[in-house]
Amino acid sequence: ADSVIFQNGGGIVSDTFGGHAGGNITLKVAGDLTVKGRKSMVTGTSAYFNLEIDAMQSGISSSTFGSGAAGHITISANRFVMQDSVILTIAAGTGPAGQIQIMAHELQLNQGASISSSTHLVFGKTLFSGTGDGGEVNISVTGNLRIQGSNFLGIPSSISSSTISTGYGGNIKVRATHLQLREGGLITANSLGA
């Protein structure tokens, strides 16, 4: 595609719940790729306020909730801009998370955007924690990589890998000609498991 936009909760999802591997996601964009925003539902309005319930972020995700491996995510674009959105792979079962590979000339993570590999998922008030290994995160940027800012919940933009169980966390590899971490932007790997 020449250009692609995911917004207002739009995205691509690959999940597996059993013993078979999830499907891989491959996205090749010759020009600009933009992933931004959330889907919100207005549940009450008056002359004085608007009450909104936050819903799904825009993004691309691959998850396993069983023994099968989650699919890999491969993205290539000339200019890739994320804003309060996610690229993630999750091992919430016994199977391993998929790998994330991103290749771009320019990559921006703004306003709480996240590229993440994890062994857990919080959905509503429920925590899904797996024992599978996290996936590797590989970022290759020939120009500028900028990670900056936080979303309205105070969550910073980040590239991360985390595990809270017995599975191994995935490695993070970042290659960029210019790297900027601003306004709380992070690259982080955490292990809180046994």
N, C-alpha and C. Protein backbone atom coordinates (compact mmCIF):
# COMPACT_ATOMS: atom_id res chain seq x y z
N ALA A 1 0.84 -1.19 0.00
CA ALA A 1 0.00 0.00 0.00
C ALA A 1 0.88 1.25 0.00
N ASP A 2 0.36 2.32 -0.57
CA ASP A 2 1.11 3.59 -0.58
C ASP A 2 1.05 4.28 0.77
N SER A 3 -0.11 4.24 1.44
CA SER A 3 -0.25 4.81 2.77
C SER A 3 -1.38 4.08 3.50
N VAL A 4 -1.24 3.98 4.83
CA VAL A 4 -2.23 3.27 5.66
C VAL A 4 -2.45 4.06 6.93
N ILE A 5 -3.73 4.17 7.36
CA ILE A 5 -4.08 4.82 8.61
C ILE A 5 -5.00 3.91 9.41
N PHE A 6 -4.65 3.65 10.66
CA PHE A 6 -5.54 3.02 11.64
C PHE A 6 -5.87 4.08 12.69
N GLN A 7 -7.15 4.30 12.95
CA GLN A 7 -7.51 5.32 13.93
C GLN A 7 -8.82 4.96 14.63
N ASN A 8 -9.05 5.61 15.78
CA ASN A 8 -10.29 5.43 16.54
C ASN A 8 -10.58 3.97 16.86
N GLY A 9 -9.55 3.25 17.31
CA GLY A 9 -9.71 1.86 17.68
C GLY A 9 -9.51 0.85 16.57
N GLY A 10 -9.17 1.31 15.38
CA GLY A 10 -8.95 0.41 14.25
C GLY A 10 -7.64 -0.34 14.37
N GLY A 11 -7.56 -1.51 13.72
CA GLY A 11 -6.32 -2.25 13.77
C GLY A 11 -6.41 -3.64 13.18
N ILE A 12 -5.38 -4.43 13.44
CA ILE A 12 -5.28 -5.81 12.99
C ILE A 12 -4.96 -6.67 14.20
N VAL A 13 -5.68 -7.81 14.33
CA VAL A 13 -5.50 -8.69 15.48
C VAL A 13 -5.33 -10.13 15.01
N SER A 14 -4.37 -10.84 15.60
CA SER A 14 -4.20 -12.27 15.38
C SER A 14 -4.10 -12.95 16.74
N ASP A 15 -5.05 -13.85 17.06
CA ASP A 15 -5.07 -14.54 18.35
C ASP A 15 -5.13 -16.04 18.13
N THR A 16 -4.57 -16.79 19.08
CA THR A 16 -4.76 -18.23 19.13
C THR A 16 -5.12 -18.63 20.55
N PHE A 17 -6.07 -19.56 20.66
CA PHE A 17 -6.57 -19.99 21.96
C PHE A 17 -6.32 -21.47 22.23
N GLY A 18 -5.70 -22.17 21.30
CA GLY A 18 -5.48 -23.61 21.45
C GLY A 18 -4.04 -23.98 21.23
N GLY A 19 -3.83 -25.14 20.62
CA GLY A 19 -2.50 -25.66 20.42
C GLY A 19 -1.86 -25.28 19.11
N HIS A 20 -2.62 -24.65 18.21
CA HIS A 20 -2.07 -24.25 16.92
C HIS A 20 -1.49 -22.83 16.98
N ALA A 21 -0.49 -22.59 16.16
CA ALA A 21 0.15 -21.27 16.12
C ALA A 21 -0.80 -20.23 15.53
N GLY A 22 -0.69 -19.02 16.01
CA GLY A 22 -1.45 -17.92 15.44
C GLY A 22 -0.86 -17.48 14.12
N GLY A 23 -1.64 -16.78 13.34
CA GLY A 23 -1.18 -16.30 12.04
C GLY A 23 -0.23 -15.12 12.17
N ASN A 24 0.73 -15.03 11.25
CA ASN A 24 1.64 -13.89 11.21
C ASN A 24 0.95 -12.68 10.59
N ILE A 25 1.38 -11.51 10.99
CA ILE A 25 0.88 -10.25 10.43
C ILE A 25 2.04 -9.56 9.74
N THR A 26 1.89 -9.28 8.45
CA THR A 26 2.92 -8.58 7.68
C THR A 26 2.28 -7.38 7.00
N LEU A 27 2.85 -6.21 7.26
CA LEU A 27 2.31 -4.97 6.69
C LEU A 27 3.45 -4.20 6.03
N LYS A 28 3.33 -4.00 4.71
CA LYS A 28 4.35 -3.28 3.95
C LYS A 28 3.72 -2.02 3.37
N VAL A 29 4.27 -0.87 3.74
CA VAL A 29 3.72 0.42 3.32
C VAL A 29 4.84 1.22 2.66
N ALA A 30 4.63 1.61 1.41
CA ALA A 30 5.67 2.34 0.68
C ALA A 30 5.84 3.76 1.21
N GLY A 31 4.75 4.35 1.70
CA GLY A 31 4.80 5.73 2.18
C GLY A 31 4.61 5.81 3.68
N ASP A 32 3.52 6.49 4.11
CA ASP A 32 3.28 6.76 5.52
C ASP A 32 2.34 5.73 6.14
N LEU A 33 2.68 5.29 7.33
CA LEU A 33 1.81 4.45 8.16
C LEU A 33 1.52 5.22 9.43
N THR A 34 0.22 5.41 9.73
CA THR A 34 -0.20 6.14 10.92
C THR A 34 -1.14 5.26 11.74
N VAL A 35 -0.83 5.12 13.03
CA VAL A 35 -1.67 4.37 13.96
C VAL A 35 -1.95 5.28 15.13
N LYS A 36 -3.23 5.67 15.32
CA LYS A 36 -3.48 6.69 16.35
C LYS A 36 -4.87 6.55 16.96
N GLY A 37 -4.95 6.95 18.21
CA GLY A 37 -6.22 7.18 18.87
C GLY A 37 -6.91 5.96 19.43
N ARG A 38 -8.02 6.22 20.09
CA ARG A 38 -8.84 5.22 20.76
C ARG A 38 -10.29 5.34 20.32
N LYS A 39 -11.00 4.26 20.48
CA LYS A 39 -12.45 4.28 20.30
C LYS A 39 -13.09 4.57 21.65
N SER A 40 -13.86 5.63 21.73
CA SER A 40 -14.52 6.00 22.97
C SER A 40 -16.02 6.01 22.76
N MET A 41 -16.74 5.73 23.82
CA MET A 41 -18.19 5.72 23.77
C MET A 41 -18.73 6.74 24.76
N VAL A 42 -19.51 7.70 24.27
CA VAL A 42 -20.11 8.69 25.16
C VAL A 42 -21.33 8.07 25.82
N THR A 43 -21.31 8.03 27.14
CA THR A 43 -22.40 7.38 27.86
C THR A 43 -23.32 8.38 28.58
N GLY A 44 -22.93 9.63 28.61
CA GLY A 44 -23.80 10.62 29.25
C GLY A 44 -23.35 12.02 28.92
N THR A 45 -24.27 12.90 28.64
CA THR A 45 -23.94 14.28 28.32
C THR A 45 -24.92 15.21 29.02
N SER A 46 -24.45 16.40 29.26
CA SER A 46 -25.32 17.46 29.78
C SER A 46 -24.72 18.79 29.35
N ALA A 47 -25.27 19.84 29.82
CA ALA A 47 -24.73 21.17 29.50
C ALA A 47 -23.39 21.40 30.17
N TYR A 48 -23.05 20.54 31.17
CA TYR A 48 -21.86 20.79 31.98
C TYR A 48 -20.74 19.77 31.79
N PHE A 49 -21.05 18.59 31.24
CA PHE A 49 -20.00 17.58 31.13
C PHE A 49 -20.32 16.57 30.03
N ASN A 50 -19.27 15.89 29.58
CA ASN A 50 -19.37 14.72 28.72
C ASN A 50 -18.68 13.56 29.44
N LEU A 51 -19.38 12.48 29.66
CA LEU A 51 -18.82 11.31 30.32
C LEU A 51 -18.47 10.28 29.26
N GLU A 52 -17.19 9.89 29.21
CA GLU A 52 -16.74 8.93 28.22
C GLU A 52 -16.12 7.72 28.90
N ILE A 53 -16.37 6.55 28.33
CA ILE A 53 -15.71 5.33 28.77
C ILE A 53 -14.66 4.96 27.73
N ASP A 54 -13.43 4.83 28.19
CA ASP A 54 -12.35 4.53 27.27
C ASP A 54 -12.47 3.11 26.73
N ALA A 55 -12.16 2.93 25.48
CA ALA A 55 -12.26 1.61 24.86
C ALA A 55 -10.93 1.26 24.20
N MET A 56 -10.99 0.51 23.13
CA MET A 56 -9.80 -0.07 22.53
C MET A 56 -8.92 0.97 21.84
N GLN A 57 -7.60 0.83 22.07
CA GLN A 57 -6.64 1.63 21.34
C GLN A 57 -6.49 1.10 19.91
N SER A 58 -6.17 2.00 19.01
CA SER A 58 -5.78 1.56 17.68
C SER A 58 -4.47 0.79 17.78
N GLY A 59 -4.29 -0.20 16.90
CA GLY A 59 -3.04 -0.92 16.96
C GLY A 59 -3.02 -2.22 16.19
N ILE A 60 -1.92 -2.93 16.34
CA ILE A 60 -1.70 -4.23 15.72
C ILE A 60 -1.22 -5.16 16.81
N SER A 61 -1.91 -6.31 16.98
CA SER A 61 -1.55 -7.20 18.08
C SER A 61 -1.59 -8.65 17.66
N SER A 62 -0.78 -9.45 18.36
CA SER A 62 -0.73 -10.89 18.18
C SER A 62 -0.61 -11.52 19.56
N SER A 63 -1.53 -12.44 19.89
CA SER A 63 -1.57 -12.99 21.24
C SER A 63 -1.81 -14.49 21.21
N THR A 64 -1.31 -15.17 22.27
CA THR A 64 -1.66 -16.56 22.51
C THR A 64 -2.25 -16.69 23.90
N PHE A 65 -3.36 -17.41 23.98
CA PHE A 65 -4.00 -17.71 25.25
C PHE A 65 -3.98 -19.23 25.50
N GLY A 66 -3.23 -19.96 24.68
CA GLY A 66 -3.13 -21.41 24.79
C GLY A 66 -1.69 -21.85 24.68
N SER A 67 -1.48 -23.08 24.16
CA SER A 67 -0.13 -23.62 24.02
C SER A 67 0.51 -23.31 22.67
N GLY A 68 -0.27 -22.86 21.73
CA GLY A 68 0.28 -22.48 20.43
C GLY A 68 1.04 -21.17 20.50
N ALA A 69 2.00 -21.02 19.60
CA ALA A 69 2.79 -19.78 19.54
C ALA A 69 1.98 -18.66 18.92
N ALA A 70 2.13 -17.46 19.45
CA ALA A 70 1.52 -16.29 18.82
C ALA A 70 2.24 -15.99 17.51
N GLY A 71 1.54 -15.38 16.58
CA GLY A 71 2.13 -15.03 15.30
C GLY A 71 3.10 -13.87 15.41
N HIS A 72 3.99 -13.78 14.43
CA HIS A 72 4.96 -12.68 14.37
C HIS A 72 4.31 -11.45 13.72
N ILE A 73 4.81 -10.27 14.08
CA ILE A 73 4.37 -9.01 13.49
C ILE A 73 5.56 -8.39 12.77
N THR A 74 5.41 -8.16 11.46
CA THR A 74 6.46 -7.53 10.66
C THR A 74 5.88 -6.31 9.96
N ILE A 75 6.50 -5.16 10.17
CA ILE A 75 6.01 -3.91 9.61
C ILE A 75 7.16 -3.18 8.94
N SER A 76 6.92 -2.72 7.71
CA SER A 76 7.90 -1.86 7.04
C SER A 76 7.16 -0.66 6.46
N ALA A 77 7.75 0.51 6.63
CA ALA A 77 7.16 1.75 6.13
C ALA A 77 8.25 2.78 5.98
N ASN A 78 8.00 3.78 5.14
CA ASN A 78 8.94 4.88 5.02
C ASN A 78 8.89 5.75 6.28
N ARG A 79 7.67 6.18 6.61
CA ARG A 79 7.46 7.01 7.81
C ARG A 79 6.34 6.37 8.63
N PHE A 80 6.63 6.05 9.88
CA PHE A 80 5.70 5.34 10.75
C PHE A 80 5.47 6.21 11.98
N VAL A 81 4.23 6.68 12.15
CA VAL A 81 3.89 7.55 13.28
C VAL A 81 2.82 6.87 14.12
N MET A 82 3.09 6.73 15.42
CA MET A 82 2.14 6.18 16.38
C MET A 82 1.77 7.26 17.40
N GLN A 83 0.49 7.30 17.75
CA GLN A 83 0.02 8.27 18.74
C GLN A 83 -1.03 7.59 19.63
N ASP A 84 -0.70 7.42 20.92
CA ASP A 84 -1.60 6.76 21.88
C ASP A 84 -2.18 5.47 21.28
N SER A 85 -1.29 4.61 20.80
CA SER A 85 -1.68 3.38 20.13
C SER A 85 -0.67 2.29 20.47
N VAL A 86 -0.92 1.06 20.00
CA VAL A 86 -0.08 -0.06 20.42
C VAL A 86 0.30 -0.97 19.26
N ILE A 87 1.51 -1.50 19.33
CA ILE A 87 1.94 -2.66 18.58
C ILE A 87 2.40 -3.65 19.63
N LEU A 88 1.74 -4.80 19.75
CA LEU A 88 2.10 -5.68 20.86
C LEU A 88 1.91 -7.15 20.53
N THR A 89 2.71 -7.95 21.20
CA THR A 89 2.58 -9.39 21.15
C THR A 89 2.56 -9.90 22.58
N ILE A 90 1.64 -10.84 22.86
CA ILE A 90 1.37 -11.26 24.24
C ILE A 90 1.39 -12.77 24.35
N ALA A 91 2.05 -13.28 25.39
CA ALA A 91 2.01 -14.70 25.74
C ALA A 91 1.20 -14.82 27.02
N ALA A 92 -0.13 -14.93 26.88
CA ALA A 92 -1.01 -15.05 28.04
C ALA A 92 -1.39 -16.49 28.31
N GLY A 93 -0.72 -17.43 27.65
CA GLY A 93 -0.93 -18.86 27.86
C GLY A 93 0.41 -19.52 28.11
N THR A 94 0.54 -20.78 27.68
CA THR A 94 1.82 -21.48 27.81
C THR A 94 2.69 -21.35 26.57
N GLY A 95 2.10 -20.95 25.46
CA GLY A 95 2.86 -20.75 24.23
C GLY A 95 3.64 -19.45 24.25
N PRO A 96 4.66 -19.34 23.41
CA PRO A 96 5.49 -18.12 23.37
C PRO A 96 4.82 -17.00 22.57
N ALA A 97 5.16 -15.77 22.94
CA ALA A 97 4.73 -14.61 22.17
C ALA A 97 5.47 -14.55 20.85
N GLY A 98 4.90 -13.84 19.90
CA GLY A 98 5.56 -13.67 18.61
C GLY A 98 6.62 -12.59 18.64
N GLN A 99 7.40 -12.54 17.61
CA GLN A 99 8.41 -11.50 17.46
C GLN A 99 7.79 -10.27 16.81
N ILE A 100 8.35 -9.11 17.14
CA ILE A 100 7.97 -7.86 16.48
C ILE A 100 9.19 -7.34 15.73
N GLN A 101 9.01 -7.09 14.44
CA GLN A 101 10.09 -6.52 13.63
C GLN A 101 9.54 -5.31 12.90
N ILE A 102 10.18 -4.16 13.11
CA ILE A 102 9.75 -2.91 12.47
C ILE A 102 10.93 -2.29 11.76
N MET A 103 10.73 -1.96 10.48
CA MET A 103 11.76 -1.33 9.66
C MET A 103 11.16 -0.06 9.06
N ALA A 104 11.83 1.06 9.26
CA ALA A 104 11.32 2.33 8.76
C ALA A 104 12.47 3.31 8.56
N HIS A 105 12.20 4.33 7.75
CA HIS A 105 13.16 5.42 7.65
C HIS A 105 12.99 6.38 8.83
N GLU A 106 11.74 6.62 9.22
CA GLU A 106 11.44 7.47 10.37
C GLU A 106 10.37 6.79 11.22
N LEU A 107 10.57 6.79 12.55
CA LEU A 107 9.61 6.19 13.47
C LEU A 107 9.38 7.14 14.64
N GLN A 108 8.10 7.46 14.90
CA GLN A 108 7.73 8.33 16.02
C GLN A 108 6.73 7.61 16.91
N LEU A 109 6.98 7.61 18.21
CA LEU A 109 6.04 7.13 19.21
C LEU A 109 5.66 8.32 20.07
N ASN A 110 4.40 8.76 19.97
CA ASN A 110 3.94 9.97 20.64
C ASN A 110 2.76 9.68 21.58
N GLN A 111 2.65 10.47 22.63
CA GLN A 111 1.47 10.48 23.50
C GLN A 111 1.08 9.09 24.02
N GLY A 112 2.05 8.37 24.57
CA GLY A 112 1.77 7.08 25.16
C GLY A 112 1.75 5.91 24.21
N ALA A 113 2.22 6.09 22.99
CA ALA A 113 2.29 4.97 22.04
C ALA A 113 3.27 3.92 22.56
N SER A 114 2.99 2.65 22.24
CA SER A 114 3.80 1.57 22.80
C SER A 114 4.05 0.47 21.77
N ILE A 115 5.29 0.00 21.73
CA ILE A 115 5.67 -1.22 21.02
C ILE A 115 6.15 -2.17 22.09
N SER A 116 5.45 -3.30 22.26
CA SER A 116 5.65 -4.09 23.47
C SER A 116 5.52 -5.59 23.23
N SER A 117 6.35 -6.35 23.95
CA SER A 117 6.21 -7.80 24.07
C SER A 117 6.02 -8.12 25.54
N SER A 118 4.99 -8.92 25.86
CA SER A 118 4.64 -9.13 27.26
C SER A 118 4.12 -10.54 27.49
N THR A 119 4.20 -11.00 28.74
CA THR A 119 3.63 -12.29 29.12
C THR A 119 2.34 -12.10 29.92
N HIS A 120 1.75 -10.93 29.84
CA HIS A 120 0.49 -10.68 30.55
C HIS A 120 -0.33 -9.63 29.82
N LEU A 121 -1.62 -9.67 30.10
CA LEU A 121 -2.56 -8.75 29.49
C LEU A 121 -3.61 -8.37 30.54
N VAL A 122 -3.87 -7.07 30.66
CA VAL A 122 -4.95 -6.61 31.52
C VAL A 122 -6.10 -6.19 30.62
N PHE A 123 -7.26 -6.85 30.81
CA PHE A 123 -8.44 -6.52 30.03
C PHE A 123 -9.56 -6.19 31.01
N GLY A 124 -9.96 -4.93 31.03
CA GLY A 124 -10.90 -4.48 32.04
C GLY A 124 -10.24 -4.56 33.41
N LYS A 125 -10.82 -5.35 34.31
CA LYS A 125 -10.25 -5.56 35.63
C LYS A 125 -9.64 -6.94 35.77
N THR A 126 -9.48 -7.65 34.64
CA THR A 126 -8.97 -9.03 34.67
C THR A 126 -7.54 -9.08 34.16
N LEU A 127 -6.67 -9.78 34.91
CA LEU A 127 -5.29 -9.99 34.52
C LEU A 127 -5.13 -11.39 33.94
N PHE A 128 -4.66 -11.48 32.69
CA PHE A 128 -4.31 -12.75 32.06
C PHE A 128 -2.79 -12.84 32.07
N SER A 129 -2.26 -13.82 32.80
CA SER A 129 -0.81 -13.98 32.91
C SER A 129 -0.41 -15.36 32.40
N GLY A 130 0.56 -15.39 31.49
CA GLY A 130 0.98 -16.65 30.90
C GLY A 130 2.35 -17.08 31.39
N THR A 131 2.69 -18.33 31.09
CA THR A 131 4.00 -18.86 31.44
C THR A 131 4.91 -19.00 30.22
N GLY A 132 4.40 -18.64 29.04
CA GLY A 132 5.21 -18.68 27.83
C GLY A 132 6.25 -17.57 27.81
N ASP A 133 7.25 -17.73 26.95
CA ASP A 133 8.30 -16.71 26.82
C ASP A 133 7.81 -15.51 26.02
N GLY A 134 8.33 -14.35 26.36
CA GLY A 134 8.05 -13.15 25.58
C GLY A 134 8.75 -13.19 24.24
N GLY A 135 8.29 -12.38 23.31
CA GLY A 135 8.89 -12.32 21.98
C GLY A 135 9.95 -11.25 21.88
N GLU A 136 10.84 -11.42 20.91
CA GLU A 136 11.89 -10.44 20.67
C GLU A 136 11.33 -9.23 19.94
N VAL A 137 11.83 -8.03 20.28
CA VAL A 137 11.43 -6.79 19.63
C VAL A 137 12.64 -6.25 18.88
N ASN A 138 12.53 -6.15 17.55
CA ASN A 138 13.61 -5.64 16.71
C ASN A 138 13.14 -4.39 15.98
N ILE A 139 13.83 -3.28 16.22
CA ILE A 139 13.50 -2.01 15.59
C ILE A 139 14.71 -1.54 14.78
N SER A 140 14.49 -1.28 13.50
CA SER A 140 15.57 -0.79 12.64
C SER A 140 15.09 0.47 11.92
N VAL A 141 15.75 1.60 12.21
CA VAL A 141 15.35 2.89 11.66
C VAL A 141 16.57 3.53 11.00
N THR A 142 16.47 3.81 9.71
CA THR A 142 17.61 4.38 9.00
C THR A 142 17.77 5.87 9.25
N GLY A 143 16.72 6.52 9.74
CA GLY A 143 16.77 7.95 10.03
C GLY A 143 16.53 8.22 11.50
N ASN A 144 15.46 8.96 11.80
CA ASN A 144 15.17 9.40 13.16
C ASN A 144 14.18 8.48 13.87
N LEU A 145 14.50 8.10 15.11
CA LEU A 145 13.60 7.39 16.01
C LEU A 145 13.34 8.31 17.20
N ARG A 146 12.07 8.69 17.39
CA ARG A 146 11.72 9.60 18.49
C ARG A 146 10.63 8.96 19.35
N ILE A 147 10.88 8.90 20.65
CA ILE A 147 9.94 8.34 21.62
C ILE A 147 9.67 9.44 22.64
N GLN A 148 8.42 9.92 22.70
CA GLN A 148 8.19 11.09 23.55
C GLN A 148 6.75 11.16 24.06
N GLY A 149 6.60 11.79 25.22
CA GLY A 149 5.29 12.14 25.74
C GLY A 149 4.55 11.01 26.40
N SER A 150 3.40 11.35 27.00
CA SER A 150 2.52 10.41 27.69
C SER A 150 1.10 10.63 27.22
N ASN A 151 0.25 9.61 27.45
CA ASN A 151 -1.16 9.78 27.12
C ASN A 151 -1.91 10.42 28.30
N PHE A 152 -3.23 10.52 28.19
CA PHE A 152 -4.00 11.21 29.21
C PHE A 152 -4.03 10.47 30.54
N LEU A 153 -3.63 9.18 30.55
CA LEU A 153 -3.54 8.42 31.78
C LEU A 153 -2.17 8.53 32.44
N GLY A 154 -1.25 9.25 31.78
CA GLY A 154 0.10 9.39 32.30
C GLY A 154 1.04 8.27 31.89
N ILE A 155 0.61 7.38 31.00
CA ILE A 155 1.45 6.28 30.54
C ILE A 155 2.38 6.79 29.45
N PRO A 156 3.70 6.62 29.62
CA PRO A 156 4.65 7.19 28.66
C PRO A 156 4.76 6.38 27.38
N SER A 157 5.19 7.02 26.33
CA SER A 157 5.55 6.32 25.10
C SER A 157 6.74 5.41 25.38
N SER A 158 6.74 4.21 24.77
CA SER A 158 7.80 3.27 25.14
C SER A 158 7.98 2.16 24.12
N ILE A 159 9.17 1.59 24.14
CA ILE A 159 9.47 0.29 23.56
C ILE A 159 9.82 -0.60 24.73
N SER A 160 9.09 -1.73 24.91
CA SER A 160 9.27 -2.48 26.15
C SER A 160 9.12 -3.97 25.95
N SER A 161 9.69 -4.69 26.93
CA SER A 161 9.53 -6.13 27.06
C SER A 161 9.36 -6.42 28.54
N SER A 162 8.35 -7.24 28.89
CA SER A 162 8.12 -7.49 30.31
C SER A 162 7.58 -8.89 30.54
N THR A 163 7.91 -9.46 31.70
CA THR A 163 7.37 -10.73 32.14
C THR A 163 7.07 -10.65 33.63
N ILE A 164 5.94 -11.24 34.04
CA ILE A 164 5.60 -11.27 35.46
C ILE A 164 5.42 -12.70 35.94
N SER A 165 5.83 -13.67 35.12
CA SER A 165 5.65 -15.08 35.48
C SER A 165 6.96 -15.82 35.26
N THR A 166 6.88 -17.11 34.97
CA THR A 166 8.09 -17.93 34.84
C THR A 166 8.72 -17.87 33.46
N GLY A 167 8.01 -17.33 32.49
CA GLY A 167 8.55 -17.23 31.14
C GLY A 167 9.65 -16.20 31.04
N TYR A 168 10.54 -16.39 30.08
CA TYR A 168 11.62 -15.43 29.83
C TYR A 168 11.07 -14.21 29.09
N GLY A 169 11.58 -13.05 29.45
CA GLY A 169 11.22 -11.84 28.71
C GLY A 169 11.95 -11.81 27.38
N GLY A 170 11.36 -11.14 26.40
CA GLY A 170 11.99 -11.03 25.09
C GLY A 170 13.07 -9.97 25.06
N ASN A 171 14.06 -10.16 24.20
CA ASN A 171 15.11 -9.17 24.01
C ASN A 171 14.60 -7.99 23.20
N ILE A 172 15.22 -6.84 23.40
CA ILE A 172 14.92 -5.64 22.62
C ILE A 172 16.19 -5.24 21.88
N LYS A 173 16.07 -5.08 20.56
CA LYS A 173 17.19 -4.61 19.75
C LYS A 173 16.73 -3.38 18.97
N VAL A 174 17.42 -2.27 19.18
CA VAL A 174 17.07 -1.02 18.53
C VAL A 174 18.27 -0.50 17.76
N ARG A 175 18.06 -0.25 16.47
CA ARG A 175 19.10 0.35 15.64
C ARG A 175 18.51 1.59 14.98
N ALA A 176 19.17 2.73 15.15
CA ALA A 176 18.68 3.98 14.57
C ALA A 176 19.85 4.91 14.32
N THR A 177 19.75 5.70 13.27
CA THR A 177 20.79 6.71 13.01
C THR A 177 20.73 7.80 14.06
N HIS A 178 19.51 8.24 14.41
CA HIS A 178 19.32 9.25 15.45
C HIS A 178 18.22 8.77 16.39
N LEU A 179 18.49 8.79 17.69
CA LEU A 179 17.53 8.35 18.70
C LEU A 179 17.26 9.48 19.67
N GLN A 180 15.97 9.81 19.87
CA GLN A 180 15.56 10.83 20.82
C GLN A 180 14.57 10.23 21.81
N LEU A 181 14.85 10.35 23.11
CA LEU A 181 13.93 10.01 24.19
C LEU A 181 13.59 11.31 24.90
N ARG A 182 12.34 11.74 24.80
CA ARG A 182 11.95 13.05 25.32
C ARG A 182 10.67 12.93 26.13
N GLU A 183 10.53 13.83 27.09
CA GLU A 183 9.28 13.97 27.85
C GLU A 183 8.82 12.65 28.44
N GLY A 184 9.75 11.88 28.99
CA GLY A 184 9.42 10.62 29.65
C GLY A 184 9.44 9.40 28.77
N GLY A 185 9.80 9.52 27.50
CA GLY A 185 9.87 8.37 26.61
C GLY A 185 10.85 7.32 27.12
N LEU A 186 10.52 6.03 26.92
CA LEU A 186 11.30 4.95 27.54
C LEU A 186 11.62 3.84 26.56
N ILE A 187 12.75 3.18 26.81
CA ILE A 187 13.05 1.85 26.30
C ILE A 187 13.35 1.02 27.52
N THR A 188 12.56 -0.03 27.77
CA THR A 188 12.67 -0.72 29.05
C THR A 188 12.40 -2.21 28.92
N ALA A 189 13.14 -3.01 29.73
CA ALA A 189 12.92 -4.45 29.82
C ALA A 189 12.76 -4.79 31.30
N ASN A 190 11.66 -5.45 31.67
CA ASN A 190 11.36 -5.75 33.07
C ASN A 190 11.09 -7.24 33.26
N SER A 191 11.56 -7.78 34.38
CA SER A 191 11.25 -9.15 34.79
C SER A 191 10.81 -9.13 36.24
N LEU A 192 9.54 -9.46 36.47
CA LEU A 192 8.99 -9.50 37.83
C LEU A 192 8.57 -10.91 38.21
N GLY A 193 8.98 -11.90 37.42
CA GLY A 193 8.59 -13.27 37.65
C GLY A 193 9.62 -14.05 38.44
N ALA A 194 9.36 -15.37 38.57
CA ALA A 194 10.26 -16.23 39.33
C ALA A 194 11.53 -16.53 38.55
